[in-house]
């Protein structure tokens, strides 16, 4: 069995990659990174480093044109500022809508692209790192268990039952993801999660806050924060 991992170079996808390598062997794992027009390329550089660490094949796609019509604050053409608040604080202001760092249907698009690559490359499973904290409160609706179930069925049918989707963390918190990664020895010092593209993580955007808290919950320090 060959596996394809949707791979951003962050905590969740790097943990996913480590699990896939352990289960299937590095020679049977493909990491797929997608550029979507984000404001910096730090996560792509991190993806390169982690894929090199695990010695997996690493494919990159550019799907940025699809998001030209979005004002999502993560995108390079957007005039919106990246919020320096927790997701809970952002949701209080959004009236139940996804947060401003939600890239429209990104996981749906990425999974569809991954399915095409997986079929072409002979992979029977696609793994991605969605977890329960991201879907909480509708912050990122394309990280929910319901979304995963629906996409899995669509990919199964659309691939002629050649490919299935696995989201091993969809029922887990980010702290539990980090716990799994620490046990696997994931090189978190090579990863990047921050929405900003500075020399060091900003420490105050939503994903930085969640990442730091996840390490602290495991009695550890984020190696990028120290």
N, C-alpha and C. Protein backbone atom coordinates (compact mmCIF):
# COMPACT_ATOMS: atom_id res chain seq x y z
N UNK A 1 0.84 -1.20 0.00
CA UNK A 1 0.00 0.00 0.00
C UNK A 1 0.87 1.25 0.00
N UNK A 2 0.56 2.16 -0.90
CA UNK A 2 1.22 3.46 -0.90
C UNK A 2 0.27 4.51 -0.34
N UNK A 3 0.83 5.49 0.34
CA UNK A 3 0.03 6.52 0.99
C UNK A 3 0.48 7.90 0.55
N UNK A 4 -0.48 8.83 0.43
CA UNK A 4 -0.19 10.21 0.12
C UNK A 4 -0.63 11.07 1.31
N UNK A 5 0.25 11.95 1.77
CA UNK A 5 -0.04 12.80 2.91
C UNK A 5 -0.13 14.25 2.45
N UNK A 6 -1.28 14.90 2.70
CA UNK A 6 -1.38 16.33 2.46
C UNK A 6 -0.50 17.02 3.49
N UNK A 7 0.47 17.79 3.01
CA UNK A 7 1.59 18.14 3.87
C UNK A 7 1.93 19.63 3.81
N UNK A 8 1.64 20.34 4.89
CA UNK A 8 1.91 21.78 4.95
C UNK A 8 3.25 22.11 5.58
N UNK A 9 3.83 21.15 6.29
CA UNK A 9 5.05 21.43 7.02
C UNK A 9 4.80 21.91 8.44
N UNK A 10 3.53 21.87 8.88
CA UNK A 10 3.18 22.25 10.24
C UNK A 10 3.14 21.07 11.18
N UNK A 11 2.69 21.31 12.40
CA UNK A 11 2.66 20.28 13.44
C UNK A 11 1.79 19.09 13.04
N UNK A 12 0.56 19.36 12.61
CA UNK A 12 -0.41 18.29 12.37
C UNK A 12 -0.01 17.42 11.18
N UNK A 13 0.34 18.06 10.07
CA UNK A 13 0.67 17.27 8.88
C UNK A 13 2.01 16.55 9.05
N UNK A 14 2.94 17.13 9.81
CA UNK A 14 4.22 16.46 10.05
C UNK A 14 4.02 15.22 10.93
N UNK A 15 3.12 15.33 11.89
CA UNK A 15 2.78 14.18 12.71
C UNK A 15 2.11 13.10 11.86
N UNK A 16 1.25 13.54 10.95
CA UNK A 16 0.59 12.62 10.02
C UNK A 16 1.62 11.90 9.15
N UNK A 17 2.59 12.66 8.66
CA UNK A 17 3.64 12.08 7.82
C UNK A 17 4.44 11.05 8.60
N UNK A 18 4.77 11.36 9.85
CA UNK A 18 5.51 10.42 10.69
C UNK A 18 4.74 9.12 10.88
N UNK A 19 3.43 9.23 11.09
CA UNK A 19 2.59 8.04 11.26
C UNK A 19 2.57 7.21 9.99
N UNK A 20 2.46 7.87 8.85
CA UNK A 20 2.42 7.16 7.57
C UNK A 20 3.74 6.45 7.30
N UNK A 21 4.85 7.12 7.58
CA UNK A 21 6.17 6.51 7.36
C UNK A 21 6.33 5.29 8.25
N UNK A 22 5.89 5.40 9.49
CA UNK A 22 5.99 4.27 10.41
C UNK A 22 5.15 3.08 9.93
N UNK A 23 3.97 3.38 9.40
CA UNK A 23 3.05 2.31 9.00
C UNK A 23 3.39 1.71 7.64
N UNK A 24 3.76 2.57 6.68
CA UNK A 24 3.91 2.10 5.30
C UNK A 24 5.36 2.05 4.82
N UNK A 25 6.26 2.71 5.54
CA UNK A 25 7.65 2.80 5.08
C UNK A 25 7.83 4.03 4.21
N UNK A 26 8.97 4.73 4.38
CA UNK A 26 9.20 5.99 3.66
C UNK A 26 9.12 5.83 2.15
N UNK A 27 9.54 4.67 1.65
CA UNK A 27 9.53 4.45 0.21
C UNK A 27 8.12 4.35 -0.36
N UNK A 28 7.13 4.17 0.51
CA UNK A 28 5.74 4.04 0.07
C UNK A 28 4.89 5.25 0.44
N UNK A 29 5.54 6.34 0.83
CA UNK A 29 4.82 7.54 1.26
C UNK A 29 5.20 8.73 0.36
N UNK A 30 4.18 9.46 -0.07
CA UNK A 30 4.39 10.69 -0.85
C UNK A 30 3.83 11.86 -0.06
N UNK A 31 4.62 12.90 0.11
CA UNK A 31 4.15 14.14 0.74
C UNK A 31 3.73 15.10 -0.36
N UNK A 32 2.52 15.65 -0.25
CA UNK A 32 2.00 16.59 -1.24
C UNK A 32 1.79 17.95 -0.58
N UNK A 33 2.58 18.93 -0.98
CA UNK A 33 2.44 20.30 -0.46
C UNK A 33 1.81 21.19 -1.52
N UNK A 34 0.93 22.08 -1.08
CA UNK A 34 0.19 22.92 -2.02
C UNK A 34 0.38 24.40 -1.66
N UNK A 35 0.84 25.15 -2.64
CA UNK A 35 0.93 26.60 -2.48
C UNK A 35 -0.41 27.19 -2.90
N UNK A 36 -0.99 28.01 -2.02
CA UNK A 36 -2.32 28.55 -2.32
C UNK A 36 -2.34 30.07 -2.34
N UNK A 37 -1.16 30.69 -2.45
CA UNK A 37 -1.09 32.14 -2.49
C UNK A 37 -0.92 32.77 -1.14
N UNK A 38 -0.43 32.00 -0.16
CA UNK A 38 -0.23 32.53 1.18
C UNK A 38 0.84 33.62 1.21
N UNK A 39 0.82 34.40 2.28
CA UNK A 39 1.65 35.60 2.36
C UNK A 39 3.14 35.31 2.48
N UNK A 40 3.51 34.09 2.79
CA UNK A 40 4.93 33.76 2.93
C UNK A 40 5.14 32.30 2.52
N UNK A 41 6.40 31.93 2.31
CA UNK A 41 6.71 30.56 1.90
C UNK A 41 7.42 29.77 2.99
N UNK A 42 7.31 30.26 4.24
CA UNK A 42 8.01 29.59 5.35
C UNK A 42 7.53 28.15 5.52
N UNK A 43 6.21 27.93 5.35
CA UNK A 43 5.70 26.58 5.56
C UNK A 43 6.15 25.64 4.44
N UNK A 44 6.32 26.14 3.23
CA UNK A 44 6.82 25.30 2.15
C UNK A 44 8.27 24.91 2.41
N UNK A 45 9.06 25.86 2.92
CA UNK A 45 10.45 25.56 3.29
C UNK A 45 10.49 24.52 4.41
N UNK A 46 9.58 24.66 5.37
CA UNK A 46 9.50 23.69 6.45
C UNK A 46 9.12 22.32 5.91
N UNK A 47 8.18 22.29 4.98
CA UNK A 47 7.77 21.02 4.37
C UNK A 47 8.95 20.34 3.68
N UNK A 48 9.76 21.13 2.98
CA UNK A 48 10.97 20.58 2.35
C UNK A 48 11.86 19.92 3.39
N UNK A 49 12.08 20.61 4.49
CA UNK A 49 12.99 20.10 5.52
C UNK A 49 12.47 18.83 6.17
N UNK A 50 11.17 18.79 6.48
CA UNK A 50 10.61 17.60 7.14
C UNK A 50 10.55 16.42 6.17
N UNK A 51 10.18 16.67 4.92
CA UNK A 51 10.17 15.59 3.93
C UNK A 51 11.57 15.03 3.72
N UNK A 52 12.56 15.90 3.73
CA UNK A 52 13.95 15.45 3.61
C UNK A 52 14.34 14.61 4.83
N UNK A 53 13.91 15.02 6.00
CA UNK A 53 14.19 14.27 7.23
C UNK A 53 13.67 12.84 7.12
N UNK A 54 12.44 12.70 6.58
CA UNK A 54 11.83 11.37 6.49
C UNK A 54 12.16 10.65 5.18
N UNK A 55 12.85 11.33 4.29
CA UNK A 55 13.27 10.74 3.01
C UNK A 55 12.08 10.25 2.18
N UNK A 56 11.02 11.05 2.16
CA UNK A 56 9.86 10.71 1.35
C UNK A 56 9.87 11.51 0.05
N UNK A 57 9.18 10.99 -0.94
CA UNK A 57 8.96 11.77 -2.16
C UNK A 57 8.13 12.99 -1.80
N UNK A 58 8.47 14.13 -2.40
CA UNK A 58 7.77 15.37 -2.05
C UNK A 58 7.32 16.06 -3.34
N UNK A 59 6.01 16.15 -3.53
CA UNK A 59 5.42 16.80 -4.70
C UNK A 59 4.83 18.14 -4.27
N UNK A 60 4.97 19.16 -5.11
CA UNK A 60 4.40 20.47 -4.82
C UNK A 60 3.50 20.91 -5.96
N UNK A 61 2.35 21.47 -5.59
CA UNK A 61 1.40 22.00 -6.56
C UNK A 61 1.13 23.47 -6.26
N UNK A 62 0.86 24.25 -7.28
CA UNK A 62 0.47 25.65 -7.12
C UNK A 62 -0.99 25.81 -7.54
N UNK A 63 -1.85 26.04 -6.56
CA UNK A 63 -3.28 26.22 -6.82
C UNK A 63 -3.72 27.63 -6.46
N UNK A 64 -2.77 28.56 -6.44
CA UNK A 64 -3.04 29.90 -5.93
C UNK A 64 -4.09 30.67 -6.73
N UNK A 65 -4.17 30.44 -8.04
CA UNK A 65 -5.11 31.21 -8.87
C UNK A 65 -6.56 31.01 -8.44
N UNK A 66 -6.85 29.85 -7.90
CA UNK A 66 -8.24 29.56 -7.50
C UNK A 66 -8.70 30.50 -6.39
N UNK A 67 -7.75 30.98 -5.58
CA UNK A 67 -8.11 31.81 -4.45
C UNK A 67 -7.97 33.31 -4.72
N UNK A 68 -7.80 33.67 -5.99
CA UNK A 68 -7.65 35.09 -6.34
C UNK A 68 -8.87 35.93 -5.97
N UNK A 69 -10.01 35.28 -5.80
CA UNK A 69 -11.25 36.00 -5.55
C UNK A 69 -11.56 36.13 -4.05
N UNK A 70 -10.71 35.54 -3.23
CA UNK A 70 -10.94 35.54 -1.78
C UNK A 70 -10.17 36.69 -1.10
N UNK A 71 -10.76 37.23 -0.04
CA UNK A 71 -10.08 38.25 0.76
C UNK A 71 -9.52 37.67 2.05
N UNK A 72 -9.44 36.34 2.14
CA UNK A 72 -8.90 35.68 3.34
C UNK A 72 -7.59 36.35 3.76
N UNK A 73 -7.44 36.59 5.04
CA UNK A 73 -6.29 37.34 5.53
C UNK A 73 -4.95 36.62 5.37
N UNK A 74 -4.98 35.33 5.06
CA UNK A 74 -3.73 34.61 4.85
C UNK A 74 -3.14 34.82 3.47
N UNK A 75 -3.92 35.34 2.55
CA UNK A 75 -3.50 35.40 1.16
C UNK A 75 -2.70 36.67 0.85
N UNK A 76 -1.74 36.54 -0.04
CA UNK A 76 -0.79 37.62 -0.31
C UNK A 76 -1.45 38.88 -0.88
N UNK A 77 -2.55 38.71 -1.61
CA UNK A 77 -3.21 39.87 -2.21
C UNK A 77 -4.24 40.52 -1.28
N UNK A 78 -4.49 39.90 -0.13
CA UNK A 78 -5.52 40.40 0.78
C UNK A 78 -5.05 41.65 1.52
N UNK A 79 -5.99 42.56 1.75
CA UNK A 79 -5.71 43.76 2.54
C UNK A 79 -6.06 43.55 4.01
N UNK A 80 -6.59 42.37 4.32
CA UNK A 80 -6.98 42.07 5.70
C UNK A 80 -5.76 41.73 6.55
N UNK A 81 -5.76 42.20 7.79
CA UNK A 81 -4.69 41.88 8.72
C UNK A 81 -4.95 40.51 9.35
N UNK A 82 -3.88 39.76 9.58
CA UNK A 82 -4.01 38.48 10.27
C UNK A 82 -4.32 38.76 11.74
N UNK A 83 -5.42 38.22 12.28
CA UNK A 83 -5.79 38.51 13.67
C UNK A 83 -4.75 37.99 14.66
N UNK A 84 -4.45 38.79 15.65
CA UNK A 84 -3.58 38.38 16.74
C UNK A 84 -4.43 38.08 17.96
N UNK A 85 -5.35 37.12 17.76
CA UNK A 85 -6.29 36.71 18.79
C UNK A 85 -6.46 35.20 18.72
N UNK A 86 -6.97 34.63 19.80
CA UNK A 86 -7.30 33.21 19.78
C UNK A 86 -8.49 32.98 18.86
N UNK A 87 -8.68 31.72 18.44
CA UNK A 87 -9.84 31.41 17.60
C UNK A 87 -11.14 31.68 18.34
N UNK A 88 -11.16 31.41 19.64
CA UNK A 88 -12.38 31.65 20.43
C UNK A 88 -12.74 33.13 20.41
N UNK A 89 -11.73 33.99 20.55
CA UNK A 89 -11.98 35.44 20.51
C UNK A 89 -12.47 35.87 19.14
N UNK A 90 -11.91 35.28 18.10
CA UNK A 90 -12.33 35.64 16.74
C UNK A 90 -13.77 35.20 16.48
N UNK A 91 -14.12 34.01 16.98
CA UNK A 91 -15.47 33.48 16.74
C UNK A 91 -16.54 34.31 17.45
N UNK A 92 -16.16 34.94 18.55
CA UNK A 92 -17.11 35.80 19.25
C UNK A 92 -17.55 36.97 18.37
N UNK A 93 -16.69 37.35 17.43
CA UNK A 93 -16.98 38.50 16.56
C UNK A 93 -17.53 38.09 15.19
N UNK A 94 -17.53 36.77 14.92
CA UNK A 94 -17.88 36.34 13.56
C UNK A 94 -19.33 35.89 13.40
N UNK A 95 -20.10 35.89 14.52
CA UNK A 95 -21.51 35.47 14.47
C UNK A 95 -21.68 34.07 13.89
N UNK A 96 -20.76 33.18 14.24
CA UNK A 96 -20.87 31.79 13.81
C UNK A 96 -20.25 31.48 12.47
N UNK A 97 -19.75 32.51 11.77
CA UNK A 97 -19.09 32.27 10.49
C UNK A 97 -17.65 31.82 10.73
N UNK A 98 -17.02 31.17 9.74
CA UNK A 98 -15.62 30.80 9.89
C UNK A 98 -14.75 32.03 10.14
N UNK A 99 -13.58 31.81 10.74
CA UNK A 99 -12.67 32.91 11.05
C UNK A 99 -12.04 33.47 9.76
N UNK A 100 -11.42 34.65 9.85
CA UNK A 100 -10.90 35.31 8.65
C UNK A 100 -9.72 34.58 8.04
N UNK A 101 -9.12 33.66 8.78
CA UNK A 101 -8.01 32.88 8.23
C UNK A 101 -8.49 31.57 7.59
N UNK A 102 -9.80 31.42 7.48
CA UNK A 102 -10.37 30.27 6.75
C UNK A 102 -10.23 30.54 5.25
N UNK A 103 -9.48 29.71 4.56
CA UNK A 103 -9.33 29.82 3.11
C UNK A 103 -10.48 29.04 2.48
N UNK A 104 -11.32 29.67 1.64
CA UNK A 104 -12.57 29.06 1.19
C UNK A 104 -12.43 27.64 0.62
N UNK A 105 -13.01 26.71 1.35
CA UNK A 105 -13.09 25.30 0.95
C UNK A 105 -11.70 24.72 0.63
N UNK A 106 -10.68 25.21 1.32
CA UNK A 106 -9.32 24.79 1.01
C UNK A 106 -9.13 23.28 1.12
N UNK A 107 -9.58 22.69 2.22
CA UNK A 107 -9.37 21.25 2.36
C UNK A 107 -10.12 20.45 1.31
N UNK A 108 -11.31 20.95 0.91
CA UNK A 108 -12.04 20.26 -0.15
C UNK A 108 -11.26 20.26 -1.45
N UNK A 109 -10.72 21.42 -1.78
CA UNK A 109 -9.91 21.53 -3.00
C UNK A 109 -8.64 20.69 -2.90
N UNK A 110 -7.96 20.79 -1.77
CA UNK A 110 -6.70 20.05 -1.59
C UNK A 110 -6.93 18.54 -1.66
N UNK A 111 -8.00 18.08 -1.03
CA UNK A 111 -8.28 16.64 -1.05
C UNK A 111 -8.62 16.18 -2.46
N UNK A 112 -9.37 17.00 -3.20
CA UNK A 112 -9.70 16.64 -4.58
C UNK A 112 -8.44 16.55 -5.44
N UNK A 113 -7.54 17.53 -5.28
CA UNK A 113 -6.28 17.50 -6.01
C UNK A 113 -5.45 16.29 -5.58
N UNK A 114 -5.45 16.03 -4.28
CA UNK A 114 -4.69 14.88 -3.76
C UNK A 114 -5.23 13.56 -4.30
N UNK A 115 -6.55 13.48 -4.47
CA UNK A 115 -7.14 12.25 -5.00
C UNK A 115 -6.66 11.98 -6.41
N UNK A 116 -6.58 13.03 -7.21
CA UNK A 116 -6.09 12.87 -8.58
C UNK A 116 -4.64 12.40 -8.60
N UNK A 117 -3.81 13.04 -7.76
CA UNK A 117 -2.41 12.63 -7.68
C UNK A 117 -2.29 11.21 -7.14
N UNK A 118 -3.08 10.89 -6.13
CA UNK A 118 -3.02 9.56 -5.51
C UNK A 118 -3.35 8.47 -6.53
N UNK A 119 -4.40 8.68 -7.31
CA UNK A 119 -4.77 7.69 -8.32
C UNK A 119 -3.63 7.52 -9.32
N UNK A 120 -3.08 8.64 -9.77
CA UNK A 120 -2.02 8.61 -10.77
C UNK A 120 -0.73 7.95 -10.25
N UNK A 121 -0.50 8.12 -8.94
CA UNK A 121 0.73 7.59 -8.34
C UNK A 121 0.54 6.24 -7.66
N UNK A 122 -0.65 5.67 -7.76
CA UNK A 122 -0.88 4.34 -7.21
C UNK A 122 -1.01 4.29 -5.70
N UNK A 123 -1.48 5.41 -5.10
CA UNK A 123 -1.68 5.46 -3.65
C UNK A 123 -3.11 5.06 -3.32
N UNK A 124 -3.27 4.22 -2.30
CA UNK A 124 -4.60 3.77 -1.92
C UNK A 124 -5.23 4.56 -0.79
N UNK A 125 -4.46 5.43 -0.16
CA UNK A 125 -4.98 6.20 0.97
C UNK A 125 -4.38 7.60 0.97
N UNK A 126 -5.21 8.57 1.33
CA UNK A 126 -4.79 9.96 1.52
C UNK A 126 -4.97 10.30 3.00
N UNK A 127 -3.93 10.82 3.61
CA UNK A 127 -4.02 11.23 5.01
C UNK A 127 -3.89 12.75 5.11
N UNK A 128 -4.68 13.35 5.99
CA UNK A 128 -4.50 14.78 6.26
C UNK A 128 -4.75 15.04 7.74
N UNK A 129 -4.21 16.16 8.24
CA UNK A 129 -4.09 16.37 9.67
C UNK A 129 -5.17 17.19 10.34
N UNK A 130 -6.38 17.23 9.83
CA UNK A 130 -7.46 17.96 10.48
C UNK A 130 -7.68 17.43 11.90
N UNK A 131 -7.90 18.35 12.84
CA UNK A 131 -8.16 17.92 14.22
C UNK A 131 -9.34 18.69 14.81
N UNK A 132 -9.83 18.20 15.95
CA UNK A 132 -11.08 18.70 16.51
C UNK A 132 -11.02 20.16 16.91
N UNK A 133 -9.87 20.65 17.38
CA UNK A 133 -9.77 22.04 17.81
C UNK A 133 -10.03 23.00 16.65
N UNK A 134 -9.58 22.64 15.45
CA UNK A 134 -9.75 23.53 14.30
C UNK A 134 -11.21 23.62 13.86
N UNK A 135 -11.96 22.54 14.04
CA UNK A 135 -13.36 22.58 13.61
C UNK A 135 -14.29 23.13 14.68
N UNK A 136 -13.79 23.25 15.90
CA UNK A 136 -14.63 23.70 17.02
C UNK A 136 -15.21 25.09 16.74
N UNK A 137 -16.50 25.24 17.01
CA UNK A 137 -17.14 26.53 16.82
C UNK A 137 -17.28 26.97 15.39
N UNK A 138 -17.06 26.05 14.45
CA UNK A 138 -17.16 26.35 13.02
C UNK A 138 -16.03 27.25 12.53
N UNK A 139 -14.91 27.28 13.28
CA UNK A 139 -13.77 28.11 12.86
C UNK A 139 -13.27 27.68 11.48
N UNK A 140 -13.06 26.38 11.33
CA UNK A 140 -12.65 25.81 10.05
C UNK A 140 -13.57 24.62 9.76
N UNK A 141 -14.70 24.87 9.10
CA UNK A 141 -15.68 23.80 8.89
C UNK A 141 -15.16 22.64 8.04
N UNK A 142 -14.11 22.88 7.24
CA UNK A 142 -13.56 21.79 6.43
C UNK A 142 -12.53 20.97 7.19
N UNK A 143 -12.58 21.05 8.53
CA UNK A 143 -11.76 20.18 9.38
C UNK A 143 -12.63 19.27 10.25
N UNK A 144 -13.93 19.30 10.03
CA UNK A 144 -14.85 18.56 10.89
C UNK A 144 -14.95 17.09 10.50
N UNK A 145 -15.43 16.29 11.44
CA UNK A 145 -15.64 14.86 11.19
C UNK A 145 -16.69 14.66 10.10
N UNK A 146 -17.72 15.51 10.09
CA UNK A 146 -18.78 15.39 9.09
C UNK A 146 -18.24 15.67 7.69
N UNK A 147 -17.41 16.69 7.59
CA UNK A 147 -16.80 17.02 6.31
C UNK A 147 -15.91 15.87 5.85
N UNK A 148 -15.11 15.34 6.74
CA UNK A 148 -14.21 14.24 6.39
C UNK A 148 -14.99 13.03 5.89
N UNK A 149 -16.08 12.72 6.57
CA UNK A 149 -16.90 11.57 6.16
C UNK A 149 -17.46 11.77 4.76
N UNK A 150 -17.96 12.98 4.48
CA UNK A 150 -18.54 13.26 3.18
C UNK A 150 -17.49 13.23 2.08
N UNK A 151 -16.32 13.82 2.33
CA UNK A 151 -15.25 13.82 1.33
C UNK A 151 -14.71 12.42 1.10
N UNK A 152 -14.63 11.62 2.15
CA UNK A 152 -14.16 10.25 2.00
C UNK A 152 -15.07 9.46 1.08
N UNK A 153 -16.37 9.66 1.25
CA UNK A 153 -17.33 8.94 0.40
C UNK A 153 -17.23 9.43 -1.04
N UNK A 154 -17.08 10.74 -1.23
CA UNK A 154 -16.95 11.29 -2.58
C UNK A 154 -15.69 10.76 -3.27
N UNK A 155 -14.58 10.75 -2.55
CA UNK A 155 -13.32 10.26 -3.14
C UNK A 155 -13.40 8.77 -3.41
N UNK A 156 -14.01 8.03 -2.50
CA UNK A 156 -14.16 6.58 -2.71
C UNK A 156 -14.94 6.29 -3.98
N UNK A 157 -16.07 6.98 -4.13
CA UNK A 157 -16.90 6.76 -5.32
C UNK A 157 -16.23 7.31 -6.57
N UNK A 158 -15.67 8.51 -6.47
CA UNK A 158 -15.09 9.16 -7.64
C UNK A 158 -13.81 8.51 -8.14
N UNK A 159 -13.17 7.73 -7.27
CA UNK A 159 -11.94 7.04 -7.67
C UNK A 159 -12.20 5.59 -8.08
N UNK A 160 -13.47 5.22 -8.14
CA UNK A 160 -13.77 3.82 -8.43
C UNK A 160 -13.30 2.91 -7.31
N UNK A 161 -13.39 3.43 -6.09
CA UNK A 161 -12.98 2.71 -4.87
C UNK A 161 -11.50 2.37 -4.85
N UNK A 162 -10.70 3.19 -5.53
CA UNK A 162 -9.25 2.99 -5.50
C UNK A 162 -8.60 3.71 -4.32
N UNK A 163 -9.23 4.77 -3.85
CA UNK A 163 -8.62 5.63 -2.84
C UNK A 163 -9.61 5.91 -1.71
N UNK A 164 -9.09 5.94 -0.49
CA UNK A 164 -9.89 6.36 0.66
C UNK A 164 -9.13 7.47 1.40
N UNK A 165 -9.85 8.16 2.28
CA UNK A 165 -9.26 9.24 3.07
C UNK A 165 -9.19 8.83 4.53
N UNK A 166 -8.10 9.19 5.18
CA UNK A 166 -7.98 9.01 6.62
C UNK A 166 -7.61 10.35 7.25
N UNK A 167 -8.34 10.72 8.29
CA UNK A 167 -8.01 11.90 9.08
C UNK A 167 -7.83 11.41 10.52
N UNK A 168 -6.65 10.90 10.85
CA UNK A 168 -6.46 10.22 12.14
C UNK A 168 -6.66 11.09 13.36
N UNK A 169 -6.62 12.43 13.19
CA UNK A 169 -6.72 13.32 14.34
C UNK A 169 -8.08 14.02 14.42
N UNK A 170 -9.02 13.64 13.57
CA UNK A 170 -10.26 14.41 13.47
C UNK A 170 -11.05 14.43 14.77
N UNK A 171 -10.83 13.45 15.64
CA UNK A 171 -11.49 13.42 16.94
C UNK A 171 -10.57 13.78 18.09
N UNK A 172 -9.39 14.31 17.77
CA UNK A 172 -8.38 14.61 18.78
C UNK A 172 -8.14 16.11 18.90
N UNK A 173 -7.67 16.53 20.07
CA UNK A 173 -7.25 17.92 20.26
C UNK A 173 -5.83 18.08 19.73
N UNK A 174 -5.40 19.32 19.58
CA UNK A 174 -4.03 19.56 19.12
C UNK A 174 -3.02 19.06 20.16
N UNK A 175 -3.38 19.17 21.43
CA UNK A 175 -2.49 18.64 22.48
C UNK A 175 -2.29 17.14 22.31
N UNK A 176 -3.34 16.43 21.93
CA UNK A 176 -3.22 14.99 21.71
C UNK A 176 -2.40 14.69 20.46
N UNK A 177 -2.50 15.55 19.45
CA UNK A 177 -1.68 15.40 18.24
C UNK A 177 -0.20 15.55 18.61
N UNK A 178 0.11 16.58 19.38
CA UNK A 178 1.50 16.80 19.80
C UNK A 178 2.00 15.65 20.66
N UNK A 179 1.16 15.13 21.52
CA UNK A 179 1.54 13.97 22.34
C UNK A 179 1.94 12.80 21.45
N UNK A 180 1.13 12.55 20.43
CA UNK A 180 1.44 11.48 19.48
C UNK A 180 2.76 11.75 18.78
N UNK A 181 2.97 12.99 18.35
CA UNK A 181 4.19 13.35 17.65
C UNK A 181 5.43 13.25 18.51
N UNK A 182 5.32 13.66 19.76
CA UNK A 182 6.46 13.55 20.67
C UNK A 182 6.86 12.09 20.87
N UNK A 183 5.85 11.23 20.94
CA UNK A 183 6.13 9.79 21.09
C UNK A 183 6.80 9.22 19.84
N UNK A 184 6.48 9.80 18.68
CA UNK A 184 7.05 9.34 17.42
C UNK A 184 8.39 10.01 17.11
N UNK A 185 8.76 11.02 17.89
CA UNK A 185 10.01 11.73 17.64
C UNK A 185 9.96 12.65 16.44
N UNK A 186 8.80 13.25 16.18
CA UNK A 186 8.66 14.18 15.06
C UNK A 186 9.61 15.37 15.26
N UNK A 187 10.35 15.76 14.23
CA UNK A 187 11.28 16.89 14.36
C UNK A 187 10.55 18.23 14.32
N UNK A 188 9.85 18.55 15.39
CA UNK A 188 9.04 19.76 15.41
C UNK A 188 9.87 21.03 15.24
N UNK A 189 11.16 20.93 15.51
CA UNK A 189 12.02 22.10 15.32
C UNK A 189 12.15 22.49 13.85
N UNK A 190 11.78 21.57 12.94
CA UNK A 190 11.84 21.85 11.51
C UNK A 190 10.52 22.38 10.96
N UNK A 191 9.47 22.32 11.74
CA UNK A 191 8.13 22.67 11.27
C UNK A 191 7.87 24.17 11.36
N UNK A 192 6.78 24.61 10.73
CA UNK A 192 6.37 26.01 10.81
C UNK A 192 4.85 26.07 10.81
N UNK A 193 4.29 26.82 11.75
CA UNK A 193 2.83 26.94 11.86
C UNK A 193 2.34 28.38 11.76
N UNK A 194 3.16 29.33 12.15
CA UNK A 194 2.76 30.74 12.26
C UNK A 194 2.21 31.28 10.94
N UNK A 195 1.13 32.08 11.04
CA UNK A 195 0.55 32.70 9.86
C UNK A 195 1.40 33.85 9.34
N UNK A 196 2.27 34.37 10.18
CA UNK A 196 3.18 35.43 9.76
C UNK A 196 4.45 34.79 9.20
N UNK A 197 5.19 35.53 8.43
CA UNK A 197 6.39 34.97 7.80
C UNK A 197 7.69 35.54 8.35
N UNK A 198 7.70 35.86 9.63
CA UNK A 198 8.88 36.48 10.23
C UNK A 198 10.02 35.51 10.46
N UNK A 199 11.08 36.05 11.03
CA UNK A 199 12.26 35.23 11.35
C UNK A 199 11.89 34.16 12.37
N UNK A 200 11.04 34.56 13.34
CA UNK A 200 10.54 33.64 14.35
C UNK A 200 9.01 33.72 14.39
N UNK A 201 8.35 32.68 14.90
CA UNK A 201 6.88 32.74 15.01
C UNK A 201 6.45 33.95 15.83
N UNK A 202 5.31 34.54 15.45
CA UNK A 202 4.83 35.74 16.14
C UNK A 202 4.37 35.44 17.56
N UNK A 203 3.87 34.21 17.78
CA UNK A 203 3.44 33.80 19.12
C UNK A 203 2.06 34.26 19.51
N UNK A 204 1.40 35.08 18.66
CA UNK A 204 0.11 35.66 19.06
C UNK A 204 -1.02 35.41 18.06
N UNK A 205 -0.73 34.91 16.87
CA UNK A 205 -1.81 34.56 15.95
C UNK A 205 -2.50 33.30 16.47
N UNK A 206 -3.67 32.98 15.91
CA UNK A 206 -4.44 31.85 16.42
C UNK A 206 -3.68 30.54 16.41
N UNK A 207 -2.97 30.26 15.32
CA UNK A 207 -2.29 28.97 15.23
C UNK A 207 -1.06 28.92 16.14
N UNK A 208 -0.37 30.05 16.32
CA UNK A 208 0.75 30.08 17.28
C UNK A 208 0.25 29.80 18.69
N UNK A 209 -0.85 30.45 19.07
CA UNK A 209 -1.40 30.25 20.41
C UNK A 209 -1.77 28.79 20.65
N UNK A 210 -2.42 28.18 19.66
CA UNK A 210 -2.82 26.78 19.80
C UNK A 210 -1.61 25.87 19.88
N UNK A 211 -0.60 26.15 19.08
CA UNK A 211 0.60 25.32 19.06
C UNK A 211 1.34 25.39 20.40
N UNK A 212 1.54 26.60 20.90
CA UNK A 212 2.24 26.77 22.17
C UNK A 212 1.49 26.06 23.29
N UNK A 213 0.17 26.23 23.32
CA UNK A 213 -0.65 25.60 24.35
C UNK A 213 -0.60 24.08 24.26
N UNK A 214 -0.53 23.54 23.05
CA UNK A 214 -0.48 22.09 22.86
C UNK A 214 0.80 21.50 23.42
N UNK A 215 1.91 22.18 23.21
CA UNK A 215 3.18 21.72 23.79
C UNK A 215 3.14 21.84 25.31
N UNK A 216 2.63 22.95 25.81
CA UNK A 216 2.57 23.15 27.26
C UNK A 216 1.70 22.09 27.93
N UNK A 217 0.63 21.68 27.26
CA UNK A 217 -0.25 20.65 27.81
C UNK A 217 0.46 19.31 27.96
N UNK A 218 1.54 19.15 27.20
CA UNK A 218 2.33 17.92 27.28
C UNK A 218 3.61 18.10 28.10
N UNK A 219 3.68 19.20 28.86
CA UNK A 219 4.85 19.46 29.68
C UNK A 219 6.10 19.72 28.86
N UNK A 220 5.91 20.25 27.66
CA UNK A 220 7.04 20.50 26.76
C UNK A 220 6.98 21.94 26.28
N UNK A 221 8.10 22.40 25.68
CA UNK A 221 8.16 23.72 25.08
C UNK A 221 8.19 23.61 23.57
N UNK A 222 7.49 24.51 22.93
CA UNK A 222 7.57 24.59 21.47
C UNK A 222 9.02 24.91 21.11
N UNK A 223 9.68 24.04 20.33
CA UNK A 223 11.09 24.27 20.02
C UNK A 223 11.36 25.53 19.21
N UNK A 224 10.33 26.09 18.57
CA UNK A 224 10.52 27.33 17.82
C UNK A 224 10.38 28.57 18.70
N UNK A 225 9.78 28.39 19.87
CA UNK A 225 9.59 29.51 20.79
C UNK A 225 10.67 29.50 21.87
N UNK A 226 11.02 28.27 22.31
CA UNK A 226 12.05 28.12 23.36
C UNK A 226 11.49 28.46 24.71
